[in-house]
């Protein structure tokens, strides 16, 4: 019964946090997969860092999908704010 009940307070924070976590996890596992398949040479630091940044940016689609699904599940309707918050949450914390 109460396991799949949406949160009563701030579904925005929940969806943005889970979406950002999914983006970081996806980028992490893709970088590990590339290293295991020897697509990235760990001795060339510039190549590894470039791969990390590119895969982080490309995994932003995973972040947007997960965040929007959780936000919609919670019954919220301000999807534009959710999209913006998901896009700038983690980079905003690092830069700002």
PDB file of N, CA and C in Angstrom:
ATOM      1  N   UNK A   1       0.794  -1.188   0.000  1.00  0.00           N
ATOM      2  CA  UNK A   1       0.000   0.000   0.000  1.00  0.00           C
ATOM      3  C   UNK A   1       0.842   1.260   0.000  1.00  0.00           C
ATOM      4  N   UNK A   2       1.596   1.507   1.072  1.00  0.00           N
ATOM      5  CA  UNK A   2       2.313   2.777   1.193  1.00  0.00           C
ATOM      6  C   UNK A   2       3.685   2.774   0.543  1.00  0.00           C
ATOM      7  N   UNK A   3       4.080   1.670  -0.037  1.00  0.00           N
ATOM      8  CA  UNK A   3       5.409   1.605  -0.645  1.00  0.00           C
ATOM      9  C   UNK A   3       5.481   2.499  -1.880  1.00  0.00           C
ATOM     10  N   UNK A   4       4.433   2.515  -2.676  1.00  0.00           N
ATOM     11  CA  UNK A   4       4.446   3.287  -3.919  1.00  0.00           C
ATOM     12  C   UNK A   4       3.677   4.600  -3.791  1.00  0.00           C
ATOM     13  N   UNK A   5       3.568   5.114  -2.583  1.00  0.00           N
ATOM     14  CA  UNK A   5       2.903   6.387  -2.358  1.00  0.00           C
ATOM     15  C   UNK A   5       3.887   7.506  -2.684  1.00  0.00           C
ATOM     16  N   UNK A   6       3.474   8.498  -3.484  1.00  0.00           N
ATOM     17  CA  UNK A   6       4.391   9.611  -3.779  1.00  0.00           C
ATOM     18  C   UNK A   6       4.669  10.439  -2.532  1.00  0.00           C
ATOM     19  N   UNK A   7       5.811  11.091  -2.479  1.00  0.00           N
ATOM     20  CA  UNK A   7       6.151  11.883  -1.292  1.00  0.00           C
ATOM     21  C   UNK A   7       5.221  13.081  -1.143  1.00  0.00           C
ATOM     22  N   UNK A   8       4.938  13.433   0.090  1.00  0.00           N
ATOM     23  CA  UNK A   8       4.027  14.540   0.362  1.00  0.00           C
ATOM     24  C   UNK A   8       4.718  15.892   0.177  1.00  0.00           C
ATOM     25  N   UNK A   9       6.000  15.951   0.465  1.00  0.00           N
ATOM     26  CA  UNK A   9       6.710  17.226   0.359  1.00  0.00           C
ATOM     27  C   UNK A   9       7.843  17.133  -0.653  1.00  0.00           C
ATOM     28  N   UNK A  10       7.992  18.161  -1.415  1.00  0.00           N
ATOM     29  CA  UNK A  10       9.068  18.415  -2.388  1.00  0.00           C
ATOM     30  C   UNK A  10       9.412  17.235  -3.304  1.00  0.00           C
ATOM     31  N   UNK A  11       8.520  16.892  -4.219  1.00  0.00           N
ATOM     32  CA  UNK A  11       8.881  15.874  -5.208  1.00  0.00           C
ATOM     33  C   UNK A  11       9.951  16.362  -6.180  1.00  0.00           C
ATOM     34  N   UNK A  12      10.119  17.695  -6.262  1.00  0.00           N
ATOM     35  CA  UNK A  12      11.142  18.256  -7.143  1.00  0.00           C
ATOM     36  C   UNK A  12      12.535  17.843  -6.683  1.00  0.00           C
ATOM     37  N   UNK A  13      12.806  17.964  -5.394  1.00  0.00           N
ATOM     38  CA  UNK A  13      14.131  17.621  -4.872  1.00  0.00           C
ATOM     39  C   UNK A  13      14.408  16.134  -5.058  1.00  0.00           C
ATOM     40  N   UNK A  14      13.404  15.305  -4.818  1.00  0.00           N
ATOM     41  CA  UNK A  14      13.572  13.865  -4.999  1.00  0.00           C
ATOM     42  C   UNK A  14      13.885  13.523  -6.450  1.00  0.00           C
ATOM     43  N   UNK A  15      13.106  14.053  -7.370  1.00  0.00           N
ATOM     44  CA  UNK A  15      13.297  13.695  -8.779  1.00  0.00           C
ATOM     45  C   UNK A  15      14.624  14.223  -9.317  1.00  0.00           C
ATOM     46  N   UNK A  16      15.011  15.414  -8.931  1.00  0.00           N
ATOM     47  CA  UNK A  16      16.284  15.975  -9.396  1.00  0.00           C
ATOM     48  C   UNK A  16      17.461  15.185  -8.820  1.00  0.00           C
ATOM     49  N   UNK A  17      17.374  14.815  -7.554  1.00  0.00           N
ATOM     50  CA  UNK A  17      18.463  14.054  -6.930  1.00  0.00           C
ATOM     51  C   UNK A  17      18.621  12.669  -7.549  1.00  0.00           C
ATOM     52  N   UNK A  18      17.516  11.992  -7.763  1.00  0.00           N
ATOM     53  CA  UNK A  18      17.589  10.655  -8.348  1.00  0.00           C
ATOM     54  C   UNK A  18      18.039  10.732  -9.803  1.00  0.00           C
ATOM     55  N   UNK A  19      17.550  11.725 -10.544  1.00  0.00           N
ATOM     56  CA  UNK A  19      17.964  11.888 -11.934  1.00  0.00           C
ATOM     57  C   UNK A  19      19.442  12.198 -12.065  1.00  0.00           C
ATOM     58  N   UNK A  20      19.955  13.069 -11.211  1.00  0.00           N
ATOM     59  CA  UNK A  20      21.377  13.411 -11.233  1.00  0.00           C
ATOM     60  C   UNK A  20      22.228  12.211 -10.824  1.00  0.00           C
ATOM     61  N   UNK A  21      21.763  11.465  -9.842  1.00  0.00           N
ATOM     62  CA  UNK A  21      22.472  10.248  -9.444  1.00  0.00           C
ATOM     63  C   UNK A  21      22.515   9.222 -10.563  1.00  0.00           C
ATOM     64  N   UNK A  22      21.415   9.107 -11.296  1.00  0.00           N
ATOM     65  CA  UNK A  22      21.385   8.175 -12.431  1.00  0.00           C
ATOM     66  C   UNK A  22      22.356   8.614 -13.513  1.00  0.00           C
ATOM     67  N   UNK A  23      22.487   9.924 -13.720  1.00  0.00           N
ATOM     68  CA  UNK A  23      23.426  10.434 -14.722  1.00  0.00           C
ATOM     69  C   UNK A  23      24.864  10.130 -14.312  1.00  0.00           C
ATOM     70  N   UNK A  24      25.199  10.362 -13.066  1.00  0.00           N
ATOM     71  CA  UNK A  24      26.560  10.108 -12.594  1.00  0.00           C
ATOM     72  C   UNK A  24      26.869   8.609 -12.643  1.00  0.00           C
ATOM     73  N   UNK A  25      25.910   7.791 -12.227  1.00  0.00           N
ATOM     74  CA  UNK A  25      26.128   6.338 -12.249  1.00  0.00           C
ATOM     75  C   UNK A  25      26.288   5.825 -13.678  1.00  0.00           C
ATOM     76  N   UNK A  26      25.479   6.328 -14.598  1.00  0.00           N
ATOM     77  CA  UNK A  26      25.587   5.903 -15.991  1.00  0.00           C
ATOM     78  C   UNK A  26      26.935   6.297 -16.579  1.00  0.00           C
ATOM     79  N   UNK A  27      27.358   7.521 -16.330  1.00  0.00           N
ATOM     80  CA  UNK A  27      28.659   7.960 -16.843  1.00  0.00           C
ATOM     81  C   UNK A  27      29.789   7.143 -16.223  1.00  0.00           C
ATOM     82  N   UNK A  28      29.680   6.852 -14.949  1.00  0.00           N
ATOM     83  CA  UNK A  28      30.702   6.070 -14.258  1.00  0.00           C
ATOM     84  C   UNK A  28      30.834   4.677 -14.866  1.00  0.00           C
ATOM     85  N   UNK A  29      29.708   4.009 -15.052  1.00  0.00           N
ATOM     86  CA  UNK A  29      29.760   2.655 -15.600  1.00  0.00           C
ATOM     87  C   UNK A  29      30.167   2.632 -17.068  1.00  0.00           C
ATOM     88  N   UNK A  30      29.811   3.659 -17.819  1.00  0.00           N
ATOM     89  CA  UNK A  30      30.262   3.716 -19.211  1.00  0.00           C
ATOM     90  C   UNK A  30      31.767   3.937 -19.305  1.00  0.00           C
ATOM     91  N   UNK A  31      32.305   4.765 -18.420  1.00  0.00           N
ATOM     92  CA  UNK A  31      33.760   4.973 -18.401  1.00  0.00           C
ATOM     93  C   UNK A  31      34.471   3.682 -17.997  1.00  0.00           C
ATOM     94  N   UNK A  32      33.935   2.985 -17.003  1.00  0.00           N
ATOM     95  CA  UNK A  32      34.527   1.704 -16.613  1.00  0.00           C
ATOM     96  C   UNK A  32      34.457   0.687 -17.743  1.00  0.00           C
ATOM     97  N   UNK A  33      33.343   0.657 -18.454  1.00  0.00           N
ATOM     98  CA  UNK A  33      33.199  -0.250 -19.585  1.00  0.00           C
ATOM     99  C   UNK A  33      34.213   0.071 -20.679  1.00  0.00           C
ATOM    100  N   UNK A  34      34.393   1.354 -20.950  1.00  0.00           N
ATOM    101  CA  UNK A  34      35.387   1.754 -21.954  1.00  0.00           C
ATOM    102  C   UNK A  34      36.797   1.380 -21.516  1.00  0.00           C
ATOM    103  N   UNK A  35      37.084   1.487 -20.229  1.00  0.00           N
ATOM    104  CA  UNK A  35      38.411   1.118 -19.732  1.00  0.00           C
ATOM    105  C   UNK A  35      38.626  -0.389 -19.805  1.00  0.00           C
ATOM    106  N   UNK A  36      37.585  -1.161 -19.498  1.00  0.00           N
ATOM    107  CA  UNK A  36      37.714  -2.616 -19.555  1.00  0.00           C
ATOM    108  C   UNK A  36      37.894  -3.078 -20.992  1.00  0.00           C
ATOM    109  N   UNK A  37      37.200  -2.446 -21.919  1.00  0.00           N
ATOM    110  CA  UNK A  37      37.314  -2.806 -23.334  1.00  0.00           C
ATOM    111  C   UNK A  37      38.532  -2.180 -24.003  1.00  0.00           C
ATOM    112  N   UNK A  38      39.333  -1.476 -23.219  1.00  0.00           N
ATOM    113  CA  UNK A  38      40.562  -0.834 -23.689  1.00  0.00           C
ATOM    114  C   UNK A  38      40.312   0.221 -24.764  1.00  0.00           C
ATOM    115  N   UNK A  39      39.184   0.909 -24.652  1.00  0.00           N
ATOM    116  CA  UNK A  39      38.904   2.020 -25.564  1.00  0.00           C
ATOM    117  C   UNK A  39      39.559   3.304 -25.060  1.00  0.00           C
ATOM    118  N   UNK A  40      39.809   3.349 -23.763  1.00  0.00           N
ATOM    119  CA  UNK A  40      40.457   4.504 -23.140  1.00  0.00           C
ATOM    120  C   UNK A  40      41.753   4.031 -22.514  1.00  0.00           C
ATOM    121  N   UNK A  41      42.836   4.695 -22.843  1.00  0.00           N
ATOM    122  CA  UNK A  41      44.136   4.362 -22.273  1.00  0.00           C
ATOM    123  C   UNK A  41      44.305   5.132 -20.964  1.00  0.00           C
ATOM    124  N   UNK A  42      44.398   4.448 -19.819  1.00  0.00           N
ATOM    125  CA  UNK A  42      44.512   5.164 -18.542  1.00  0.00           C
ATOM    126  C   UNK A  42      45.820   5.926 -18.386  1.00  0.00           C
ATOM    127  N   UNK A  43      46.798   5.622 -19.206  1.00  0.00           N
ATOM    128  CA  UNK A  43      48.074   6.327 -19.117  1.00  0.00           C
ATOM    129  C   UNK A  43      47.988   7.719 -19.751  1.00  0.00           C
ATOM    130  N   UNK A  44      47.048   7.900 -20.652  1.00  0.00           N
ATOM    131  CA  UNK A  44      46.846   9.213 -21.271  1.00  0.00           C
ATOM    132  C   UNK A  44      45.727   9.914 -20.509  1.00  0.00           C
ATOM    133  N   UNK A  45      46.131  10.789 -19.593  1.00  0.00           N
ATOM    134  CA  UNK A  45      45.149  11.411 -18.709  1.00  0.00           C
ATOM    135  C   UNK A  45      44.181  12.317 -19.454  1.00  0.00           C
ATOM    136  N   UNK A  46      44.650  12.986 -20.464  1.00  0.00           N
ATOM    137  CA  UNK A  46      43.773  13.866 -21.236  1.00  0.00           C
ATOM    138  C   UNK A  46      42.688  13.097 -21.964  1.00  0.00           C
ATOM    139  N   UNK A  47      43.044  11.945 -22.470  1.00  0.00           N
ATOM    140  CA  UNK A  47      42.073  11.107 -23.171  1.00  0.00           C
ATOM    141  C   UNK A  47      41.022  10.586 -22.196  1.00  0.00           C
ATOM    142  N   UNK A  48      41.438  10.180 -21.021  1.00  0.00           N
ATOM    143  CA  UNK A  48      40.499   9.669 -20.025  1.00  0.00           C
ATOM    144  C   UNK A  48      39.561  10.768 -19.535  1.00  0.00           C
ATOM    145  N   UNK A  49      40.080  11.946 -19.282  1.00  0.00           N
ATOM    146  CA  UNK A  49      39.241  13.050 -18.816  1.00  0.00           C
ATOM    147  C   UNK A  49      38.253  13.498 -19.892  1.00  0.00           C
ATOM    148  N   UNK A  50      38.703  13.513 -21.133  1.00  0.00           N
ATOM    149  CA  UNK A  50      37.800  13.855 -22.230  1.00  0.00           C
ATOM    150  C   UNK A  50      36.680  12.828 -22.345  1.00  0.00           C
ATOM    151  N   UNK A  51      37.014  11.564 -22.198  1.00  0.00           N
ATOM    152  CA  UNK A  51      35.992  10.515 -22.250  1.00  0.00           C
ATOM    153  C   UNK A  51      34.998  10.660 -21.104  1.00  0.00           C
ATOM    154  N   UNK A  52      35.476  11.003 -19.923  1.00  0.00           N
ATOM    155  CA  UNK A  52      34.589  11.185 -18.772  1.00  0.00           C
ATOM    156  C   UNK A  52      33.622  12.336 -19.013  1.00  0.00           C
ATOM    157  N   UNK A  53      34.121  13.446 -19.500  1.00  0.00           N
ATOM    158  CA  UNK A  53      33.256  14.606 -19.733  1.00  0.00           C
ATOM    159  C   UNK A  53      32.242  14.325 -20.838  1.00  0.00           C
ATOM    160  N   UNK A  54      32.689  13.715 -21.922  1.00  0.00           N
ATOM    161  CA  UNK A  54      31.771  13.421 -23.031  1.00  0.00           C
ATOM    162  C   UNK A  54      30.699  12.429 -22.599  1.00  0.00           C
ATOM    163  N   UNK A  55      31.084  11.391 -21.884  1.00  0.00           N
ATOM    164  CA  UNK A  55      30.093  10.413 -21.440  1.00  0.00           C
ATOM    165  C   UNK A  55      29.158  10.991 -20.384  1.00  0.00           C
ATOM    166  N   UNK A  56      29.639  11.920 -19.550  1.00  0.00           N
ATOM    167  CA  UNK A  56      28.765  12.590 -18.586  1.00  0.00           C
ATOM    168  C   UNK A  56      27.706  13.421 -19.311  1.00  0.00           C
ATOM    169  N   UNK A  57      28.127  14.139 -20.326  1.00  0.00           N
ATOM    170  CA  UNK A  57      27.179  14.962 -21.083  1.00  0.00           C
ATOM    171  C   UNK A  57      26.175  14.087 -21.824  1.00  0.00           C
ATOM    172  N   UNK A  58      26.640  13.014 -22.441  1.00  0.00           N
ATOM    173  CA  UNK A  58      25.733  12.143 -23.178  1.00  0.00           C
ATOM    174  C   UNK A  58      24.771  11.391 -22.260  1.00  0.00           C
ATOM    175  N   UNK A  59      25.169  11.136 -21.027  1.00  0.00           N
ATOM    176  CA  UNK A  59      24.265  10.460 -20.104  1.00  0.00           C
ATOM    177  C   UNK A  59      23.252  11.413 -19.479  1.00  0.00           C
ATOM    178  N   UNK A  60      23.263  12.650 -19.919  1.00  0.00           N
ATOM    179  CA  UNK A  60      22.240  13.598 -19.481  1.00  0.00           C
ATOM    180  C   UNK A  60      20.848  13.195 -19.930  1.00  0.00           C
ATOM    181  N   UNK A  61      20.753  12.419 -21.008  1.00  0.00           N
ATOM    182  CA  UNK A  61      19.442  11.935 -21.438  1.00  0.00           C
ATOM    183  C   UNK A  61      18.859  10.963 -20.411  1.00  0.00           C
ATOM    184  N   UNK A  62      19.722  10.159 -19.815  1.00  0.00           N
ATOM    185  CA  UNK A  62      19.269   9.245 -18.760  1.00  0.00           C
ATOM    186  C   UNK A  62      18.762  10.051 -17.570  1.00  0.00           C
ATOM    187  N   UNK A  63      19.481  11.096 -17.224  1.00  0.00           N
ATOM    188  CA  UNK A  63      19.084  11.957 -16.121  1.00  0.00           C
ATOM    189  C   UNK A  63      17.720  12.582 -16.363  1.00  0.00           C
ATOM    190  N   UNK A  64      17.523  13.115 -17.547  1.00  0.00           N
ATOM    191  CA  UNK A  64      16.240  13.738 -17.863  1.00  0.00           C
ATOM    192  C   UNK A  64      15.100  12.751 -17.854  1.00  0.00           C
ATOM    193  N   UNK A  65      15.329  11.563 -18.373  1.00  0.00           N
ATOM    194  CA  UNK A  65      14.269  10.555 -18.409  1.00  0.00           C
ATOM    195  C   UNK A  65      13.885  10.099 -17.003  1.00  0.00           C
ATOM    196  N   UNK A  66      14.877   9.757 -16.193  1.00  0.00           N
ATOM    197  CA  UNK A  66      14.603   9.268 -14.835  1.00  0.00           C
ATOM    198  C   UNK A  66      13.934  10.357 -14.007  1.00  0.00           C
ATOM    199  N   UNK A  67      14.448  11.567 -14.102  1.00  0.00           N
ATOM    200  CA  UNK A  67      13.883  12.668 -13.339  1.00  0.00           C
ATOM    201  C   UNK A  67      12.441  12.956 -13.743  1.00  0.00           C
ATOM    202  N   UNK A  68      12.175  12.954 -15.024  1.00  0.00           N
ATOM    203  CA  UNK A  68      10.811  13.253 -15.471  1.00  0.00           C
ATOM    204  C   UNK A  68       9.832  12.146 -15.103  1.00  0.00           C
ATOM    205  N   UNK A  69      10.266  10.890 -15.149  1.00  0.00           N
ATOM    206  CA  UNK A  69       9.378   9.787 -14.772  1.00  0.00           C
ATOM    207  C   UNK A  69       9.031   9.841 -13.290  1.00  0.00           C
ATOM    208  N   UNK A  70      10.009  10.126 -12.449  1.00  0.00           N
ATOM    209  CA  UNK A  70       9.730  10.214 -11.011  1.00  0.00           C
ATOM    210  C   UNK A  70       8.862  11.429 -10.715  1.00  0.00           C
ATOM    211  N   UNK A  71       9.132  12.545 -11.383  1.00  0.00           N
ATOM    212  CA  UNK A  71       8.350  13.763 -11.164  1.00  0.00           C
ATOM    213  C   UNK A  71       6.902  13.561 -11.603  1.00  0.00           C
ATOM    214  N   UNK A  72       6.713  12.877 -12.717  1.00  0.00           N
ATOM    215  CA  UNK A  72       5.352  12.596 -13.186  1.00  0.00           C
ATOM    216  C   UNK A  72       4.657  11.613 -12.255  1.00  0.00           C
ATOM    217  N   UNK A  73       5.372  10.633 -11.726  1.00  0.00           N
ATOM    218  CA  UNK A  73       4.795   9.676 -10.795  1.00  0.00           C
ATOM    219  C   UNK A  73       4.282  10.375  -9.539  1.00  0.00           C
ATOM    220  N   UNK A  74       4.988  11.427  -9.129  1.00  0.00           N
ATOM    221  CA  UNK A  74       4.588  12.156  -7.923  1.00  0.00           C
ATOM    222  C   UNK A  74       3.375  13.053  -8.165  1.00  0.00           C
ATOM    223  N   UNK A  75       2.928  13.145  -9.399  1.00  0.00           N
ATOM    224  CA  UNK A  75       1.743  13.939  -9.698  1.00  0.00           C
ATOM    225  C   UNK A  75       2.008  15.421  -9.860  1.00  0.00           C
ATOM    226  N   UNK A  76       3.248  15.822  -9.972  1.00  0.00           N
ATOM    227  CA  UNK A  76       3.581  17.240 -10.123  1.00  0.00           C
ATOM    228  C   UNK A  76       3.401  17.655 -11.580  1.00  0.00           C
ATOM    229  N   UNK A  77       3.248  18.962 -11.793  1.00  0.00           N
ATOM    230  CA  UNK A  77       2.954  19.424 -13.151  1.00  0.00           C
ATOM    231  C   UNK A  77       3.924  20.477 -13.686  1.00  0.00           C
ATOM    232  N   UNK A  78       4.833  20.979 -12.882  1.00  0.00           N
ATOM    233  CA  UNK A  78       5.756  22.019 -13.332  1.00  0.00           C
ATOM    234  C   UNK A  78       6.997  21.379 -13.961  1.00  0.00           C
ATOM    235  N   UNK A  79       6.810  20.781 -15.138  1.00  0.00           N
ATOM    236  CA  UNK A  79       7.879  20.015 -15.766  1.00  0.00           C
ATOM    237  C   UNK A  79       9.002  20.890 -16.288  1.00  0.00           C
ATOM    238  N   UNK A  80       8.712  22.147 -16.607  1.00  0.00           N
ATOM    239  CA  UNK A  80       9.789  23.030 -17.098  1.00  0.00           C
ATOM    240  C   UNK A  80      10.806  23.316 -15.996  1.00  0.00           C
ATOM    241  N   UNK A  81      10.317  23.560 -14.798  1.00  0.00           N
ATOM    242  CA  UNK A  81      11.227  23.795 -13.676  1.00  0.00           C
ATOM    243  C   UNK A  81      12.018  22.534 -13.343  1.00  0.00           C
ATOM    244  N   UNK A  82      11.378  21.382 -13.476  1.00  0.00           N
ATOM    245  CA  UNK A  82      12.078  20.117 -13.237  1.00  0.00           C
ATOM    246  C   UNK A  82      13.201  19.914 -14.249  1.00  0.00           C
ATOM    247  N   UNK A  83      12.918  20.218 -15.502  1.00  0.00           N
ATOM    248  CA  UNK A  83      13.941  20.084 -16.545  1.00  0.00           C
ATOM    249  C   UNK A  83      15.126  21.002 -16.273  1.00  0.00           C
ATOM    250  N   UNK A  84      14.840  22.242 -15.939  1.00  0.00           N
ATOM    251  CA  UNK A  84      15.906  23.201 -15.658  1.00  0.00           C
ATOM    252  C   UNK A  84      16.704  22.812 -14.416  1.00  0.00           C
ATOM    253  N   UNK A  85      16.004  22.399 -13.372  1.00  0.00           N
ATOM    254  CA  UNK A  85      16.695  22.029 -12.134  1.00  0.00           C
ATOM    255  C   UNK A  85      17.559  20.793 -12.326  1.00  0.00           C
ATOM    256  N   UNK A  86      17.072  19.832 -13.114  1.00  0.00           N
ATOM    257  CA  UNK A  86      17.861  18.624 -13.368  1.00  0.00           C
ATOM    258  C   UNK A  86      19.118  18.946 -14.170  1.00  0.00           C
ATOM    259  N   UNK A  87      18.997  19.870 -15.098  1.00  0.00           N
ATOM    260  CA  UNK A  87      20.145  20.211 -15.947  1.00  0.00           C
ATOM    261  C   UNK A  87      21.229  20.966 -15.190  1.00  0.00           C
ATOM    262  N   UNK A  88      20.858  21.780 -14.214  1.00  0.00           N
ATOM    263  CA  UNK A  88      21.865  22.635 -13.554  1.00  0.00           C
ATOM    264  C   UNK A  88      22.156  22.251 -12.114  1.00  0.00           C
ATOM    265  N   UNK A  89      21.536  21.210 -11.576  1.00  0.00           N
ATOM    266  CA  UNK A  89      21.694  20.901 -10.156  1.00  0.00           C
ATOM    267  C   UNK A  89      23.137  20.530  -9.799  1.00  0.00           C
ATOM    268  N   UNK A  90      23.664  19.510 -10.413  1.00  0.00           N
ATOM    269  CA  UNK A  90      25.022  19.063 -10.067  1.00  0.00           C
ATOM    270  C   UNK A  90      26.094  20.030 -10.532  1.00  0.00           C
ATOM    271  N   UNK A  91      26.057  20.514 -11.794  1.00  0.00           N
ATOM    272  CA  UNK A  91      27.077  21.498 -12.175  1.00  0.00           C
ATOM    273  C   UNK A  91      26.989  22.791 -11.353  1.00  0.00           C
ATOM    274  N   UNK A  92      25.780  23.159 -10.954  1.00  0.00           N
ATOM    275  CA  UNK A  92      25.628  24.354 -10.116  1.00  0.00           C
ATOM    276  C   UNK A  92      26.244  24.183  -8.741  1.00  0.00           C
ATOM    277  N   UNK A  93      26.159  22.976  -8.202  1.00  0.00           N
ATOM    278  CA  UNK A  93      26.783  22.717  -6.896  1.00  0.00           C
ATOM    279  C   UNK A  93      28.302  22.735  -7.017  1.00  0.00           C
ATOM    280  N   UNK A  94      28.832  22.250  -8.126  1.00  0.00           N
ATOM    281  CA  UNK A  94      30.288  22.222  -8.282  1.00  0.00           C
ATOM    282  C   UNK A  94      30.867  23.606  -8.523  1.00  0.00           C
ATOM    283  N   UNK A  95      30.187  24.395  -9.354  1.00  0.00           N
ATOM    284  CA  UNK A  95      30.720  25.703  -9.716  1.00  0.00           C
ATOM    285  C   UNK A  95      30.407  26.736  -8.646  1.00  0.00           C
ATOM    286  N   UNK A  96      29.194  26.647  -8.125  1.00  0.00           N
ATOM    287  CA  UNK A  96      28.743  27.716  -7.364  1.00  0.00           C
ATOM    288  C   UNK A  96      28.641  27.963  -6.003  1.00  0.00           C
TER     289      UNK A  96
END
